[in-house]
């Protein structure tokens, strides 16, 4: 079987790519409205398991020298599937204001556009540590939102909502800053490639 011939890192990436948009939105949409703390924690744990595969697929790929172009490409796509599916599900059940989802998804589309343009012009832009930190903060923020059983009570009625808002703001700021960092690196590479041709 072709699946058995794949490396462990590719298997983890494919697992996140295929299962995260199929499993997570279903459970989030149908179980989060119960607003039960135990259920919310179980869903947050499931989300963290999918998020952990983003770390481990890269870790195993580097450890066993199995880094490939197709693996890197699928990893980026799997990350987007995980993020988009959770954001859309949280907006659908009124656990997240659509404003945040638009900013986060818009940021990812801009980065994908820059990455695609760079590939078409035969140069690449390496993901910075800011981008990796952004991913960690987004996962932490979404986990808090999923766990939060007090969302429907309003921002001022629970300290948990204030923590949730703080993490949302921090994650969004890092998302925008990492986008700016990615853009500046992209422009430097683009200008150098343009002048050298």
N, C-alpha and C. Protein backbone atom coordinates (compact mmCIF):
# COMPACT_ATOMS: atom_id res chain seq x y z
N UNK A 1 0.84 -1.20 0.00
CA UNK A 1 0.00 0.00 0.00
C UNK A 1 0.87 1.25 0.00
N UNK A 2 0.46 2.25 -0.78
CA UNK A 2 1.23 3.49 -0.86
C UNK A 2 1.33 4.19 0.49
N UNK A 3 0.28 4.03 1.32
CA UNK A 3 0.26 4.70 2.61
C UNK A 3 1.38 4.18 3.52
N UNK A 4 1.65 2.87 3.44
CA UNK A 4 2.67 2.27 4.28
C UNK A 4 4.07 2.73 3.90
N UNK A 5 4.25 3.19 2.68
CA UNK A 5 5.55 3.64 2.22
C UNK A 5 5.85 5.08 2.64
N UNK A 6 4.86 5.79 3.13
CA UNK A 6 5.07 7.17 3.56
C UNK A 6 5.83 7.21 4.88
N UNK A 7 6.57 8.28 5.07
CA UNK A 7 7.29 8.48 6.32
C UNK A 7 6.30 8.83 7.42
N UNK A 8 6.75 8.73 8.67
CA UNK A 8 5.89 9.03 9.80
C UNK A 8 5.43 10.48 9.77
N UNK A 9 6.33 11.38 9.39
CA UNK A 9 5.97 12.80 9.34
C UNK A 9 4.88 13.06 8.30
N UNK A 10 4.98 12.39 7.15
CA UNK A 10 3.95 12.55 6.11
C UNK A 10 2.62 11.96 6.56
N UNK A 11 2.66 10.87 7.30
CA UNK A 11 1.42 10.28 7.81
C UNK A 11 0.73 11.22 8.78
N UNK A 12 1.51 11.86 9.64
CA UNK A 12 0.93 12.82 10.58
C UNK A 12 0.32 14.01 9.84
N UNK A 13 1.03 14.47 8.80
CA UNK A 13 0.53 15.60 8.02
C UNK A 13 -0.78 15.23 7.32
N UNK A 14 -0.81 14.05 6.70
CA UNK A 14 -2.03 13.60 6.02
C UNK A 14 -3.18 13.42 7.00
N UNK A 15 -2.86 12.93 8.20
CA UNK A 15 -3.89 12.77 9.22
C UNK A 15 -4.53 14.12 9.55
N UNK A 16 -3.68 15.14 9.74
CA UNK A 16 -4.20 16.48 10.04
C UNK A 16 -4.94 17.06 8.85
N UNK A 17 -4.43 16.82 7.66
CA UNK A 17 -5.03 17.36 6.44
C UNK A 17 -6.42 16.81 6.19
N UNK A 18 -6.59 15.51 6.40
CA UNK A 18 -7.85 14.85 6.07
C UNK A 18 -8.84 14.90 7.23
N UNK A 19 -8.36 14.64 8.44
CA UNK A 19 -9.27 14.47 9.56
C UNK A 19 -9.70 15.77 10.22
N UNK A 20 -8.81 16.77 10.26
CA UNK A 20 -9.17 18.00 10.98
C UNK A 20 -10.39 18.71 10.39
N UNK A 21 -10.52 18.84 9.05
CA UNK A 21 -11.72 19.50 8.54
C UNK A 21 -12.96 18.63 8.56
N UNK A 22 -12.80 17.33 8.77
CA UNK A 22 -13.95 16.43 8.81
C UNK A 22 -14.45 16.19 10.22
N UNK A 23 -13.53 16.03 11.17
CA UNK A 23 -13.90 15.66 12.53
C UNK A 23 -14.16 16.88 13.41
N UNK A 24 -13.21 17.82 13.44
CA UNK A 24 -13.32 18.94 14.37
C UNK A 24 -14.57 19.80 14.17
N UNK A 25 -14.87 20.26 12.95
CA UNK A 25 -16.07 21.10 12.80
C UNK A 25 -17.35 20.39 13.22
N UNK A 26 -17.44 19.10 12.93
CA UNK A 26 -18.64 18.33 13.28
C UNK A 26 -18.86 18.34 14.79
N UNK A 27 -17.81 17.99 15.55
CA UNK A 27 -17.96 17.95 17.01
C UNK A 27 -18.14 19.34 17.60
N UNK A 28 -17.42 20.32 17.06
CA UNK A 28 -17.52 21.67 17.60
C UNK A 28 -18.92 22.25 17.40
N UNK A 29 -19.47 22.06 16.21
CA UNK A 29 -20.78 22.64 15.89
C UNK A 29 -21.89 21.96 16.69
N UNK A 30 -21.79 20.65 16.88
CA UNK A 30 -22.90 19.93 17.52
C UNK A 30 -22.75 19.79 19.04
N UNK A 31 -21.53 19.94 19.57
CA UNK A 31 -21.35 19.74 21.01
C UNK A 31 -21.08 21.02 21.78
N UNK A 32 -20.43 22.00 21.16
CA UNK A 32 -20.14 23.24 21.87
C UNK A 32 -21.38 23.99 22.35
N UNK A 33 -22.48 23.98 21.59
CA UNK A 33 -23.69 24.69 22.07
C UNK A 33 -24.21 24.20 23.42
N UNK A 34 -23.83 22.98 23.85
CA UNK A 34 -24.25 22.53 25.18
C UNK A 34 -23.56 23.34 26.28
N UNK A 35 -22.43 23.96 25.93
CA UNK A 35 -21.72 24.84 26.87
C UNK A 35 -21.40 24.13 28.17
N UNK A 36 -20.99 22.86 28.04
CA UNK A 36 -20.64 22.04 29.19
C UNK A 36 -19.12 22.02 29.35
N UNK A 37 -18.66 22.29 30.58
CA UNK A 37 -17.22 22.42 30.81
C UNK A 37 -16.46 21.14 30.47
N UNK A 38 -17.02 19.99 30.81
CA UNK A 38 -16.35 18.72 30.54
C UNK A 38 -16.26 18.47 29.03
N UNK A 39 -17.38 18.69 28.34
CA UNK A 39 -17.39 18.52 26.89
C UNK A 39 -16.43 19.49 26.23
N UNK A 40 -16.44 20.74 26.69
CA UNK A 40 -15.54 21.74 26.12
C UNK A 40 -14.08 21.34 26.28
N UNK A 41 -13.73 20.80 27.45
CA UNK A 41 -12.35 20.38 27.68
C UNK A 41 -11.97 19.20 26.78
N UNK A 42 -12.92 18.28 26.57
CA UNK A 42 -12.66 17.15 25.69
C UNK A 42 -12.43 17.63 24.26
N UNK A 43 -13.23 18.59 23.81
CA UNK A 43 -13.07 19.14 22.47
C UNK A 43 -11.75 19.91 22.34
N UNK A 44 -11.39 20.64 23.39
CA UNK A 44 -10.11 21.36 23.39
C UNK A 44 -8.95 20.38 23.32
N UNK A 45 -9.07 19.25 24.04
CA UNK A 45 -8.04 18.23 23.98
C UNK A 45 -7.90 17.63 22.60
N UNK A 46 -9.03 17.40 21.93
CA UNK A 46 -9.01 16.88 20.57
C UNK A 46 -8.34 17.87 19.63
N UNK A 47 -8.67 19.15 19.78
CA UNK A 47 -8.05 20.18 18.96
C UNK A 47 -6.55 20.24 19.20
N UNK A 48 -6.12 20.14 20.45
CA UNK A 48 -4.69 20.17 20.76
C UNK A 48 -3.96 18.96 20.18
N UNK A 49 -4.64 17.82 20.11
CA UNK A 49 -4.02 16.64 19.49
C UNK A 49 -3.74 16.90 18.01
N UNK A 50 -4.70 17.51 17.33
CA UNK A 50 -4.47 17.86 15.93
C UNK A 50 -3.38 18.91 15.80
N UNK A 51 -3.40 19.89 16.71
CA UNK A 51 -2.37 20.91 16.68
C UNK A 51 -0.98 20.35 16.96
N UNK A 52 -0.90 19.33 17.82
CA UNK A 52 0.39 18.73 18.15
C UNK A 52 1.01 18.04 16.95
N UNK A 53 0.19 17.53 16.05
CA UNK A 53 0.75 16.88 14.86
C UNK A 53 1.53 17.87 14.00
N UNK A 54 1.19 19.16 14.10
CA UNK A 54 1.93 20.18 13.36
C UNK A 54 3.37 20.27 13.85
N UNK A 55 3.56 20.07 15.16
CA UNK A 55 4.91 20.08 15.72
C UNK A 55 5.64 18.78 15.41
N UNK A 56 4.97 17.66 15.64
CA UNK A 56 5.65 16.38 15.54
C UNK A 56 5.99 15.99 14.10
N UNK A 57 5.17 16.39 13.12
CA UNK A 57 5.52 16.01 11.75
C UNK A 57 6.82 16.70 11.32
N UNK A 58 6.98 17.97 11.72
CA UNK A 58 8.23 18.66 11.41
C UNK A 58 9.40 18.12 12.21
N UNK A 59 9.13 17.77 13.46
CA UNK A 59 10.19 17.23 14.33
C UNK A 59 10.73 15.90 13.78
N UNK A 60 9.82 14.99 13.41
CA UNK A 60 10.25 13.69 12.89
C UNK A 60 10.91 13.83 11.52
N UNK A 61 10.42 14.77 10.71
CA UNK A 61 11.01 14.97 9.39
C UNK A 61 12.46 15.42 9.50
N UNK A 62 12.73 16.32 10.45
CA UNK A 62 14.10 16.80 10.65
C UNK A 62 14.97 15.74 11.33
N UNK A 63 14.39 15.04 12.31
CA UNK A 63 15.16 14.06 13.06
C UNK A 63 15.62 12.91 12.17
N UNK A 64 14.73 12.43 11.31
CA UNK A 64 15.05 11.27 10.46
C UNK A 64 15.43 11.68 9.04
N UNK A 65 15.72 12.96 8.85
CA UNK A 65 16.17 13.48 7.55
C UNK A 65 15.20 13.10 6.43
N UNK A 66 13.91 13.37 6.68
CA UNK A 66 12.87 13.02 5.72
C UNK A 66 12.13 14.26 5.21
N UNK A 67 12.82 15.40 5.25
CA UNK A 67 12.21 16.64 4.77
C UNK A 67 12.11 16.61 3.25
N UNK A 68 10.90 16.78 2.73
CA UNK A 68 10.67 16.77 1.29
C UNK A 68 9.82 17.98 0.90
N UNK A 69 9.86 18.32 -0.38
CA UNK A 69 9.07 19.45 -0.86
C UNK A 69 7.57 19.16 -0.75
N UNK A 70 7.18 17.92 -1.11
CA UNK A 70 5.77 17.57 -1.04
C UNK A 70 5.29 17.56 0.41
N UNK A 71 6.16 17.12 1.33
CA UNK A 71 5.81 17.13 2.74
C UNK A 71 5.63 18.54 3.27
N UNK A 72 6.53 19.44 2.86
CA UNK A 72 6.44 20.83 3.30
C UNK A 72 5.18 21.49 2.74
N UNK A 73 4.86 21.19 1.49
CA UNK A 73 3.66 21.76 0.87
C UNK A 73 2.40 21.26 1.56
N UNK A 74 2.33 19.95 1.78
CA UNK A 74 1.16 19.38 2.45
C UNK A 74 1.04 19.89 3.88
N UNK A 75 2.15 20.14 4.53
CA UNK A 75 2.13 20.65 5.89
C UNK A 75 1.47 22.02 5.95
N UNK A 76 1.81 22.90 5.00
CA UNK A 76 1.19 24.22 4.96
C UNK A 76 -0.32 24.12 4.71
N UNK A 77 -0.69 23.23 3.78
CA UNK A 77 -2.12 23.07 3.48
C UNK A 77 -2.86 22.51 4.68
N UNK A 78 -2.26 21.53 5.35
CA UNK A 78 -2.89 20.92 6.53
C UNK A 78 -3.08 21.95 7.64
N UNK A 79 -2.08 22.82 7.80
CA UNK A 79 -2.20 23.88 8.81
C UNK A 79 -3.40 24.78 8.52
N UNK A 80 -3.56 25.13 7.25
CA UNK A 80 -4.68 26.01 6.87
C UNK A 80 -6.00 25.30 7.08
N UNK A 81 -6.08 24.03 6.74
CA UNK A 81 -7.32 23.27 6.93
C UNK A 81 -7.70 23.24 8.40
N UNK A 82 -6.72 23.02 9.25
CA UNK A 82 -6.98 22.96 10.68
C UNK A 82 -7.48 24.30 11.20
N UNK A 83 -6.79 25.37 10.83
CA UNK A 83 -7.15 26.70 11.30
C UNK A 83 -8.51 27.14 10.76
N UNK A 84 -8.72 27.00 9.45
CA UNK A 84 -9.96 27.46 8.84
C UNK A 84 -11.17 26.71 9.38
N UNK A 85 -11.04 25.39 9.50
CA UNK A 85 -12.19 24.59 9.93
C UNK A 85 -12.61 24.95 11.35
N UNK A 86 -11.63 25.18 12.23
CA UNK A 86 -11.96 25.54 13.61
C UNK A 86 -12.54 26.94 13.68
N UNK A 87 -11.94 27.89 12.96
CA UNK A 87 -12.46 29.26 12.96
C UNK A 87 -13.90 29.32 12.47
N UNK A 88 -14.18 28.64 11.37
CA UNK A 88 -15.53 28.66 10.80
C UNK A 88 -16.52 28.00 11.75
N UNK A 89 -16.12 26.90 12.38
CA UNK A 89 -17.00 26.21 13.32
C UNK A 89 -17.30 27.10 14.53
N UNK A 90 -16.28 27.79 15.04
CA UNK A 90 -16.49 28.66 16.20
C UNK A 90 -17.37 29.86 15.87
N UNK A 91 -17.22 30.39 14.67
CA UNK A 91 -18.10 31.47 14.23
C UNK A 91 -19.54 30.96 14.10
N UNK A 92 -19.68 29.75 13.59
CA UNK A 92 -21.01 29.18 13.36
C UNK A 92 -21.79 29.00 14.66
N UNK A 93 -21.08 28.71 15.75
CA UNK A 93 -21.78 28.48 17.03
C UNK A 93 -21.68 29.70 17.95
N UNK A 94 -21.32 30.85 17.38
CA UNK A 94 -21.25 32.11 18.12
C UNK A 94 -20.27 32.08 19.28
N UNK A 95 -19.20 31.32 19.12
CA UNK A 95 -18.13 31.32 20.13
C UNK A 95 -17.01 32.27 19.73
N UNK A 96 -17.06 32.77 18.50
CA UNK A 96 -16.01 33.66 18.01
C UNK A 96 -16.66 34.69 17.09
N UNK A 97 -16.33 35.96 17.31
CA UNK A 97 -16.85 37.02 16.46
C UNK A 97 -16.18 36.93 15.09
N UNK A 98 -16.95 37.07 14.02
CA UNK A 98 -16.44 36.85 12.67
C UNK A 98 -15.27 37.76 12.32
N UNK A 99 -15.17 38.91 12.98
CA UNK A 99 -14.10 39.86 12.73
C UNK A 99 -12.73 39.22 12.89
N UNK A 100 -12.55 38.42 13.96
CA UNK A 100 -11.28 37.77 14.21
C UNK A 100 -10.98 36.73 13.13
N UNK A 101 -11.99 35.98 12.74
CA UNK A 101 -11.80 34.95 11.72
C UNK A 101 -11.38 35.56 10.39
N UNK A 102 -11.97 36.70 10.02
CA UNK A 102 -11.63 37.35 8.77
C UNK A 102 -10.16 37.80 8.78
N UNK A 103 -9.73 38.37 9.89
CA UNK A 103 -8.33 38.83 9.98
C UNK A 103 -7.37 37.64 9.87
N UNK A 104 -7.64 36.59 10.62
CA UNK A 104 -6.73 35.45 10.62
C UNK A 104 -6.71 34.74 9.27
N UNK A 105 -7.88 34.52 8.69
CA UNK A 105 -7.94 33.84 7.40
C UNK A 105 -7.35 34.73 6.30
N UNK A 106 -7.64 36.03 6.35
CA UNK A 106 -7.08 36.95 5.38
C UNK A 106 -5.57 36.97 5.43
N UNK A 107 -5.02 36.93 6.62
CA UNK A 107 -3.56 36.90 6.77
C UNK A 107 -2.98 35.67 6.09
N UNK A 108 -3.62 34.51 6.30
CA UNK A 108 -3.12 33.27 5.71
C UNK A 108 -3.18 33.32 4.18
N UNK A 109 -4.23 33.90 3.63
CA UNK A 109 -4.34 34.01 2.18
C UNK A 109 -3.25 34.92 1.62
N UNK A 110 -2.94 36.00 2.31
CA UNK A 110 -1.88 36.89 1.85
C UNK A 110 -0.53 36.18 1.84
N UNK A 111 -0.24 35.44 2.88
CA UNK A 111 1.02 34.70 2.94
C UNK A 111 1.07 33.63 1.85
N UNK A 112 -0.05 32.94 1.64
CA UNK A 112 -0.09 31.93 0.58
C UNK A 112 0.15 32.56 -0.78
N UNK A 113 -0.40 33.76 -1.00
CA UNK A 113 -0.18 34.44 -2.26
C UNK A 113 1.28 34.81 -2.46
N UNK A 114 1.92 35.33 -1.42
CA UNK A 114 3.33 35.67 -1.51
C UNK A 114 4.19 34.42 -1.73
N UNK A 115 3.84 33.34 -1.04
CA UNK A 115 4.60 32.10 -1.19
C UNK A 115 4.45 31.54 -2.61
N UNK A 116 3.23 31.59 -3.14
CA UNK A 116 3.00 31.11 -4.50
C UNK A 116 3.75 31.94 -5.52
N UNK A 117 3.74 33.26 -5.33
CA UNK A 117 4.45 34.16 -6.24
C UNK A 117 5.95 33.89 -6.21
N UNK A 118 6.48 33.66 -5.01
CA UNK A 118 7.92 33.40 -4.90
C UNK A 118 8.29 32.09 -5.58
N UNK A 119 7.45 31.07 -5.44
CA UNK A 119 7.74 29.79 -6.08
C UNK A 119 7.70 29.91 -7.60
N UNK A 120 6.75 30.68 -8.11
CA UNK A 120 6.67 30.88 -9.56
C UNK A 120 7.86 31.63 -10.11
N UNK A 121 8.54 32.39 -9.25
CA UNK A 121 9.71 33.15 -9.67
C UNK A 121 11.02 32.54 -9.16
N UNK A 122 10.96 31.26 -8.79
CA UNK A 122 12.14 30.46 -8.48
C UNK A 122 12.94 30.96 -7.27
N UNK A 123 12.25 31.45 -6.26
CA UNK A 123 12.92 31.71 -4.99
C UNK A 123 11.92 31.43 -3.88
N UNK A 124 12.45 31.20 -2.70
CA UNK A 124 11.58 30.84 -1.58
C UNK A 124 11.85 31.76 -0.39
N UNK A 125 10.85 31.84 0.47
CA UNK A 125 10.96 32.63 1.69
C UNK A 125 10.77 31.69 2.87
N UNK A 126 11.80 31.58 3.69
CA UNK A 126 11.77 30.66 4.82
C UNK A 126 10.86 31.22 5.92
N UNK A 127 10.06 30.34 6.51
CA UNK A 127 9.18 30.74 7.60
C UNK A 127 10.02 31.13 8.80
N UNK A 128 9.76 32.31 9.35
CA UNK A 128 10.54 32.81 10.47
C UNK A 128 10.03 32.27 11.79
N UNK A 129 10.77 32.54 12.84
CA UNK A 129 10.35 32.12 14.18
C UNK A 129 9.09 32.86 14.61
N UNK A 130 8.87 34.06 14.04
CA UNK A 130 7.66 34.82 14.35
C UNK A 130 6.42 34.06 13.87
N UNK A 131 6.53 33.46 12.70
CA UNK A 131 5.41 32.69 12.17
C UNK A 131 5.10 31.47 13.02
N UNK A 132 6.15 30.82 13.51
CA UNK A 132 5.94 29.66 14.38
C UNK A 132 5.33 30.07 15.71
N UNK A 133 5.79 31.20 16.26
CA UNK A 133 5.22 31.70 17.50
C UNK A 133 3.77 32.10 17.31
N UNK A 134 3.47 32.66 16.14
CA UNK A 134 2.09 33.01 15.80
C UNK A 134 1.19 31.79 15.84
N UNK A 135 1.66 30.68 15.29
CA UNK A 135 0.88 29.45 15.28
C UNK A 135 0.61 28.95 16.69
N UNK A 136 1.62 28.99 17.54
CA UNK A 136 1.46 28.56 18.93
C UNK A 136 0.43 29.42 19.65
N UNK A 137 0.51 30.74 19.46
CA UNK A 137 -0.42 31.65 20.11
C UNK A 137 -1.85 31.46 19.59
N UNK A 138 -1.98 31.20 18.30
CA UNK A 138 -3.31 30.94 17.75
C UNK A 138 -3.92 29.67 18.34
N UNK A 139 -3.11 28.63 18.45
CA UNK A 139 -3.60 27.37 19.03
C UNK A 139 -4.00 27.58 20.48
N UNK A 140 -3.19 28.33 21.23
CA UNK A 140 -3.53 28.62 22.62
C UNK A 140 -4.83 29.42 22.72
N UNK A 141 -4.96 30.41 21.85
CA UNK A 141 -6.15 31.26 21.87
C UNK A 141 -7.40 30.46 21.53
N UNK A 142 -7.35 29.65 20.50
CA UNK A 142 -8.50 28.85 20.10
C UNK A 142 -8.85 27.81 21.16
N UNK A 143 -7.83 27.28 21.82
CA UNK A 143 -8.08 26.32 22.90
C UNK A 143 -8.85 26.96 24.04
N UNK A 144 -8.46 28.18 24.41
CA UNK A 144 -9.17 28.90 25.47
C UNK A 144 -10.62 29.18 25.07
N UNK A 145 -10.82 29.54 23.81
CA UNK A 145 -12.18 29.82 23.33
C UNK A 145 -13.04 28.56 23.40
N UNK A 146 -12.47 27.42 23.01
CA UNK A 146 -13.21 26.16 23.03
C UNK A 146 -13.54 25.76 24.46
N UNK A 147 -12.59 25.92 25.38
CA UNK A 147 -12.80 25.52 26.77
C UNK A 147 -13.80 26.44 27.46
N UNK A 148 -13.77 27.72 27.14
CA UNK A 148 -14.56 28.74 27.83
C UNK A 148 -16.06 28.39 27.86
N UNK A 149 -16.62 28.12 29.04
CA UNK A 149 -18.05 27.81 29.12
C UNK A 149 -18.91 29.04 29.38
N UNK A 150 -18.27 30.20 29.47
CA UNK A 150 -18.99 31.40 29.86
C UNK A 150 -19.17 32.37 28.70
N UNK A 151 -18.88 31.92 27.51
CA UNK A 151 -18.90 32.81 26.35
C UNK A 151 -20.22 33.57 26.20
N UNK A 152 -21.31 32.88 26.41
CA UNK A 152 -22.61 33.49 26.16
C UNK A 152 -23.03 34.48 27.24
N UNK A 153 -22.26 34.58 28.33
CA UNK A 153 -22.63 35.47 29.42
C UNK A 153 -22.18 36.91 29.19
N UNK A 154 -21.30 37.11 28.22
CA UNK A 154 -20.82 38.46 27.93
C UNK A 154 -19.44 38.71 28.48
N UNK A 155 -18.73 39.63 27.86
CA UNK A 155 -17.33 39.88 28.17
C UNK A 155 -17.11 40.34 29.60
N UNK A 156 -17.96 41.20 30.12
CA UNK A 156 -17.73 41.82 31.43
C UNK A 156 -18.19 40.95 32.59
N UNK A 157 -18.79 39.81 32.34
CA UNK A 157 -19.39 39.02 33.41
C UNK A 157 -18.50 37.86 33.87
N UNK A 158 -17.34 37.71 33.24
CA UNK A 158 -16.48 36.61 33.65
C UNK A 158 -15.03 36.91 33.30
N UNK A 159 -14.13 36.63 34.23
CA UNK A 159 -12.71 36.89 33.99
C UNK A 159 -12.18 36.03 32.85
N UNK A 160 -12.82 34.86 32.66
CA UNK A 160 -12.36 33.95 31.60
C UNK A 160 -12.49 34.64 30.24
N UNK A 161 -13.57 35.38 30.04
CA UNK A 161 -13.76 36.08 28.77
C UNK A 161 -12.70 37.15 28.56
N UNK A 162 -12.26 37.77 29.65
CA UNK A 162 -11.21 38.78 29.53
C UNK A 162 -9.89 38.14 29.12
N UNK A 163 -9.60 36.97 29.70
CA UNK A 163 -8.39 36.24 29.31
C UNK A 163 -8.48 35.84 27.84
N UNK A 164 -9.66 35.38 27.45
CA UNK A 164 -9.89 34.99 26.05
C UNK A 164 -9.63 36.17 25.11
N UNK A 165 -10.13 37.34 25.47
CA UNK A 165 -9.94 38.52 24.64
C UNK A 165 -8.47 38.92 24.56
N UNK A 166 -7.77 38.84 25.69
CA UNK A 166 -6.34 39.17 25.71
C UNK A 166 -5.56 38.26 24.78
N UNK A 167 -5.84 36.95 24.84
CA UNK A 167 -5.14 36.01 23.98
C UNK A 167 -5.49 36.25 22.51
N UNK A 168 -6.74 36.59 22.24
CA UNK A 168 -7.14 36.89 20.87
C UNK A 168 -6.38 38.09 20.31
N UNK A 169 -6.27 39.12 21.13
CA UNK A 169 -5.56 40.32 20.69
C UNK A 169 -4.08 40.03 20.47
N UNK A 170 -3.46 39.31 21.42
CA UNK A 170 -2.04 38.99 21.29
C UNK A 170 -1.78 38.13 20.06
N UNK A 171 -2.61 37.08 19.87
CA UNK A 171 -2.44 36.21 18.71
C UNK A 171 -2.64 36.96 17.41
N UNK A 172 -3.60 37.89 17.39
CA UNK A 172 -3.85 38.68 16.19
C UNK A 172 -2.70 39.62 15.90
N UNK A 173 -2.15 40.25 16.93
CA UNK A 173 -1.01 41.14 16.74
C UNK A 173 0.20 40.39 16.21
N UNK A 174 0.44 39.21 16.76
CA UNK A 174 1.56 38.41 16.26
C UNK A 174 1.30 37.91 14.84
N UNK A 175 0.03 37.64 14.52
CA UNK A 175 -0.31 37.24 13.15
C UNK A 175 0.02 38.35 12.17
N UNK A 176 -0.36 39.57 12.52
CA UNK A 176 -0.10 40.71 11.65
C UNK A 176 1.38 41.05 11.59
N UNK A 177 2.07 40.95 12.73
CA UNK A 177 3.50 41.24 12.74
C UNK A 177 4.27 40.21 11.93
N UNK A 178 3.91 38.92 12.06
CA UNK A 178 4.58 37.89 11.29
C UNK A 178 4.31 38.06 9.80
N UNK A 179 3.11 38.57 9.47
CA UNK A 179 2.80 38.87 8.06
C UNK A 179 3.70 39.97 7.55
N UNK A 180 3.88 41.01 8.35
CA UNK A 180 4.77 42.11 7.97
C UNK A 180 6.21 41.62 7.82
N UNK A 181 6.64 40.77 8.76
CA UNK A 181 7.99 40.20 8.69
C UNK A 181 8.17 39.36 7.43
N UNK A 182 7.16 38.55 7.14
CA UNK A 182 7.21 37.71 5.94
C UNK A 182 7.26 38.58 4.68
N UNK A 183 6.48 39.65 4.68
CA UNK A 183 6.43 40.55 3.53
C UNK A 183 7.76 41.25 3.31
N UNK A 184 8.41 41.72 4.38
CA UNK A 184 9.69 42.41 4.23
C UNK A 184 10.77 41.46 3.71
N UNK A 185 10.79 40.23 4.23
CA UNK A 185 11.75 39.23 3.73
C UNK A 185 11.46 38.92 2.27
N UNK A 186 10.18 38.78 1.94
CA UNK A 186 9.78 38.51 0.56
C UNK A 186 10.26 39.61 -0.37
N UNK A 187 10.06 40.88 0.02
CA UNK A 187 10.45 42.00 -0.83
C UNK A 187 11.96 42.06 -1.02
N UNK A 188 12.72 41.76 0.02
CA UNK A 188 14.18 41.75 -0.10
C UNK A 188 14.63 40.69 -1.10
N UNK A 189 14.03 39.50 -0.98
CA UNK A 189 14.37 38.42 -1.91
C UNK A 189 13.93 38.76 -3.33
N UNK A 190 12.76 39.34 -3.45
CA UNK A 190 12.21 39.68 -4.77
C UNK A 190 13.08 40.73 -5.45
N UNK A 191 13.48 41.77 -4.71
CA UNK A 191 14.32 42.82 -5.28
C UNK A 191 15.68 42.29 -5.68
N UNK A 192 16.27 41.45 -4.81
CA UNK A 192 17.59 40.89 -5.13
C UNK A 192 17.52 39.98 -6.35
N UNK A 193 16.47 39.19 -6.46
CA UNK A 193 16.30 38.31 -7.61
C UNK A 193 16.07 39.14 -8.87
N UNK A 194 15.29 40.23 -8.74
CA UNK A 194 14.96 41.06 -9.89
C UNK A 194 16.19 41.77 -10.42
N UNK A 195 17.04 42.28 -9.51
CA UNK A 195 18.21 43.00 -9.94
C UNK A 195 19.31 42.10 -10.46
N UNK A 196 19.32 40.86 -9.98
CA UNK A 196 20.37 39.94 -10.42
C UNK A 196 20.08 39.32 -11.77
N UNK A 197 18.82 39.44 -12.23
CA UNK A 197 18.43 38.82 -13.52
C UNK A 197 18.73 39.75 -14.68
